[in-house]
Amino acid sequence: MTVTQIIGDFREDILAKHQLLMVDFFLHSIPLNRRKQTRYLSIAFLSDFLANIFPLKEDNIKKFEKQLHLKTAVSYIANELLENSIKFHEYAGSQPIKLGVGSTDQLLVFVSVNCVSETTLGKFKEFAHQLATSDADELYFRQLEKGAEEKSEESGLGLLSLLNDYSAKLGWKIETVSKDPAITTLTTMVLLTAQ
């Protein structure tokens, strides 16, 4: 029996109605010394893919600048999602990390899916609660100070920068897909207005 919890701006309707290009990462089959290169190549491919959905004429500098800005945003957001997925992935099972990109008429859509432990899930829920009840700018600076003091990799600064720098909307779906063995997936959705 699947148990589902939605947090933030998670849009099931987008996943149901629109196709996303999804890439599966079976990290247990990628040698440790090749993972960073694999991540960079995948992000470059996804950003090129999404940027090419919006064609441009070579003589239009404004469209060229827009596409360059789009590729930069896609690279940053996709990298942030993939990096978090890798950092917090529960490796006990053989479940892949999934990263997807796509678009609607008005939105760029980013999705990452990974398995998480109960400990990671508990910390994430605390952070999501802070995000929902705090001013994003204030929380960003508070987490920046906390990260400097504790030298923690769990600051949430990447997600906060998506809110502050890109005016993105964030949402999550938590699904317990199996109890024996215990498998919980965390799907992160980032929505960005396509301008």
Protein backbone atom coordinates (compact mmCIF):
# COMPACT_ATOMS: atom_id res chain seq x y z
CA MET A 1 0.00 0.00 0.00
CA THR A 2 1.43 3.37 -1.03
CA VAL A 3 1.25 6.20 1.52
CA THR A 4 1.60 9.70 0.06
CA GLN A 5 2.18 13.13 1.60
CA ILE A 6 2.35 16.39 -0.40
CA ILE A 7 4.29 19.45 0.84
CA GLY A 8 4.47 22.87 -0.84
CA ASP A 9 3.72 23.56 -4.50
CA PHE A 10 3.74 20.00 -5.84
CA ARG A 11 1.60 19.73 -8.99
CA GLU A 12 0.37 16.21 -9.73
CA ASP A 13 -1.58 17.59 -12.71
CA ILE A 14 1.65 18.56 -14.47
CA LEU A 15 3.07 15.07 -14.08
CA ALA A 16 -0.19 13.57 -15.34
CA LYS A 17 -0.61 15.83 -18.41
CA HIS A 18 2.92 16.66 -19.57
CA GLN A 19 5.81 14.51 -20.71
CA LEU A 20 9.15 15.02 -18.98
CA LEU A 21 12.50 13.83 -20.22
CA MET A 22 13.60 11.55 -17.37
CA VAL A 23 17.12 10.27 -16.79
CA ASP A 24 17.72 7.39 -14.35
CA PHE A 25 21.00 7.25 -12.41
CA PHE A 26 21.91 3.83 -11.07
CA LEU A 27 24.69 5.16 -8.86
CA HIS A 28 25.65 1.77 -7.49
CA SER A 29 26.73 0.81 -11.02
CA ILE A 30 28.75 4.01 -11.70
CA PRO A 31 32.30 3.95 -10.28
CA LEU A 32 32.82 6.62 -7.62
CA ASN A 33 35.53 8.39 -9.63
CA ARG A 34 33.15 8.74 -12.65
CA ARG A 35 30.07 10.07 -10.84
CA LYS A 36 30.95 13.77 -10.99
CA GLN A 37 31.71 13.61 -14.72
CA THR A 38 28.49 11.64 -15.31
CA ARG A 39 26.55 14.28 -13.39
CA TYR A 40 28.06 17.17 -15.38
CA LEU A 41 27.45 15.50 -18.74
CA SER A 42 23.86 14.70 -17.80
CA ILE A 43 23.16 18.26 -16.65
CA ALA A 44 24.67 19.66 -19.88
CA PHE A 45 22.48 17.32 -21.94
CA LEU A 46 19.31 18.27 -20.03
CA SER A 47 20.00 22.01 -20.28
CA ASP A 48 20.66 21.75 -24.03
CA PHE A 49 17.51 19.66 -24.45
CA LEU A 50 15.27 22.13 -22.62
CA ALA A 51 16.85 25.20 -24.25
CA ASN A 52 16.23 23.74 -27.71
CA ILE A 53 12.52 23.48 -27.02
CA PHE A 54 12.55 27.27 -27.37
CA PRO A 55 13.95 27.81 -30.89
CA LEU A 56 15.68 31.02 -31.84
CA LYS A 57 16.75 32.86 -34.93
CA GLU A 58 20.47 33.48 -35.14
CA ASP A 59 19.99 37.18 -35.90
CA ASN A 60 17.90 37.86 -32.80
CA ILE A 61 20.29 38.77 -29.95
CA LYS A 62 17.48 39.10 -27.38
CA LYS A 63 16.32 35.53 -28.00
CA PHE A 64 19.92 34.34 -27.88
CA GLU A 65 20.41 36.05 -24.50
CA LYS A 66 17.15 34.54 -23.27
CA GLN A 67 18.23 31.05 -24.34
CA LEU A 68 21.63 31.50 -22.68
CA HIS A 69 19.91 32.64 -19.47
CA LEU A 70 17.56 29.65 -19.72
CA LYS A 71 20.44 27.19 -20.15
CA THR A 72 22.21 28.70 -17.14
CA ALA A 73 19.08 28.43 -15.00
CA VAL A 74 18.38 24.87 -16.14
CA SER A 75 21.97 23.84 -15.42
CA TYR A 76 21.91 25.36 -11.95
CA ILE A 77 18.51 23.97 -10.95
CA ALA A 78 19.10 20.50 -12.38
CA ASN A 79 22.54 20.33 -10.75
CA GLU A 80 21.10 21.39 -7.39
CA LEU A 81 18.39 18.72 -7.57
CA LEU A 82 20.77 15.99 -8.68
CA GLU A 83 23.41 16.95 -6.11
CA ASN A 84 20.83 16.83 -3.28
CA SER A 85 19.46 13.53 -4.55
CA ILE A 86 22.93 12.00 -4.59
CA LYS A 87 23.85 13.46 -1.19
CA PHE A 88 20.72 12.18 0.57
CA HIS A 89 20.04 8.99 -1.43
CA GLU A 90 19.46 5.81 0.55
CA TYR A 91 21.73 3.25 -1.10
CA ALA A 92 20.34 0.18 0.68
CA GLY A 93 18.15 -0.72 -2.27
CA SER A 94 18.90 -0.72 -5.96
CA GLN A 95 16.48 2.11 -6.73
CA PRO A 96 17.80 4.71 -9.20
CA ILE A 97 17.84 8.45 -8.73
CA LYS A 98 15.61 10.05 -11.35
CA LEU A 99 15.98 13.53 -12.79
CA GLY A 100 13.49 15.01 -15.23
CA VAL A 101 12.91 18.25 -17.11
CA GLY A 102 10.08 19.49 -19.26
CA SER A 103 7.82 22.42 -19.93
CA THR A 104 4.22 23.53 -20.09
CA ASP A 105 2.99 26.65 -21.87
CA GLN A 106 4.05 28.83 -18.95
CA LEU A 107 6.37 26.75 -16.76
CA LEU A 108 9.68 24.96 -16.82
CA VAL A 109 9.36 21.82 -14.75
CA PHE A 110 12.15 20.01 -12.90
CA VAL A 111 11.66 16.79 -10.96
CA SER A 112 14.03 14.61 -8.98
CA VAL A 113 13.16 11.35 -7.27
CA ASN A 114 15.32 9.49 -4.79
CA CYS A 115 14.99 7.07 -1.89
CA VAL A 116 15.53 8.47 1.59
CA SER A 117 16.06 7.04 5.06
CA GLU A 118 13.71 7.82 7.94
CA THR A 119 16.41 10.01 9.53
CA THR A 120 16.86 12.04 6.33
CA LEU A 121 13.09 12.31 5.92
CA GLY A 122 12.69 13.64 9.46
CA LYS A 123 15.33 16.34 8.90
CA PHE A 124 13.78 17.23 5.56
CA LYS A 125 10.31 17.65 7.08
CA GLU A 126 11.76 20.02 9.70
CA PHE A 127 13.39 22.07 6.93
CA ALA A 128 10.19 22.08 4.83
CA HIS A 129 8.25 23.35 7.85
CA GLN A 130 10.82 26.16 8.33
CA LEU A 131 10.51 27.00 4.64
CA ALA A 132 6.72 27.20 4.84
CA THR A 133 6.66 29.36 7.98
CA SER A 134 9.63 31.70 7.41
CA ASP A 135 10.56 34.56 5.16
CA ALA A 136 12.78 33.06 2.44
CA ASP A 137 15.37 35.88 2.59
CA GLU A 138 15.62 35.73 6.37
CA LEU A 139 15.86 31.93 6.35
CA TYR A 140 18.56 32.09 3.66
CA PHE A 141 20.81 34.29 5.82
CA ARG A 142 20.04 32.28 8.95
CA GLN A 143 21.00 29.04 7.16
CA LEU A 144 24.09 30.72 5.71
CA GLU A 145 25.27 31.59 9.23
CA LYS A 146 24.35 28.15 10.54
CA GLY A 147 26.22 26.45 7.70
CA ALA A 148 29.34 28.51 8.35
CA GLU A 149 29.26 27.69 12.06
CA GLU A 150 28.52 23.98 11.75
CA LYS A 151 30.18 23.28 8.37
CA SER A 152 27.06 21.25 7.59
CA GLU A 153 26.11 19.84 4.20
CA GLU A 154 22.45 20.02 5.23
CA SER A 155 21.97 23.79 5.15
CA GLY A 156 19.26 23.87 2.49
CA LEU A 157 20.98 26.86 0.87
CA GLY A 158 20.63 25.40 -2.60
CA LEU A 159 16.86 25.13 -2.31
CA LEU A 160 16.66 28.58 -0.75
CA SER A 161 18.69 30.03 -3.63
CA LEU A 162 16.13 28.55 -6.05
CA LEU A 163 13.45 30.55 -4.25
CA ASN A 164 15.46 33.75 -3.91
CA ASP A 165 17.45 33.84 -7.15
CA TYR A 166 14.96 32.27 -9.57
CA SER A 167 11.59 32.90 -7.88
CA ALA A 168 10.95 29.18 -8.23
CA LYS A 169 8.12 27.30 -6.59
CA LEU A 170 9.08 24.17 -4.67
CA GLY A 171 7.01 21.14 -3.82
CA TRP A 172 7.58 17.61 -2.59
CA LYS A 173 5.83 14.29 -2.62
CA ILE A 174 6.79 11.70 -0.04
CA GLU A 175 5.73 8.16 -0.85
CA THR A 176 6.21 5.03 1.18
CA VAL A 177 6.23 2.53 -1.66
CA SER A 178 7.24 -0.55 0.33
CA LYS A 179 7.28 -1.49 3.99
CA ASP A 180 9.34 -4.67 3.68
CA PRO A 181 11.92 -3.68 2.72
CA ALA A 182 11.26 -0.08 3.80
CA ILE A 183 11.45 2.15 0.71
CA THR A 184 10.42 5.80 0.88
CA THR A 185 10.81 8.08 -2.12
CA LEU A 186 11.08 11.85 -2.04
CA THR A 187 10.06 13.60 -5.24
CA THR A 188 11.16 17.22 -5.47
CA MET A 189 9.44 19.50 -7.97
CA VAL A 190 10.74 22.90 -9.02
CA LEU A 191 8.52 25.14 -11.13
CA LEU A 192 10.00 28.13 -12.91
CA THR A 193 8.04 30.64 -14.94
CA ALA A 194 9.11 30.45 -18.58
CA GLN A 195 9.60 34.08 -19.58
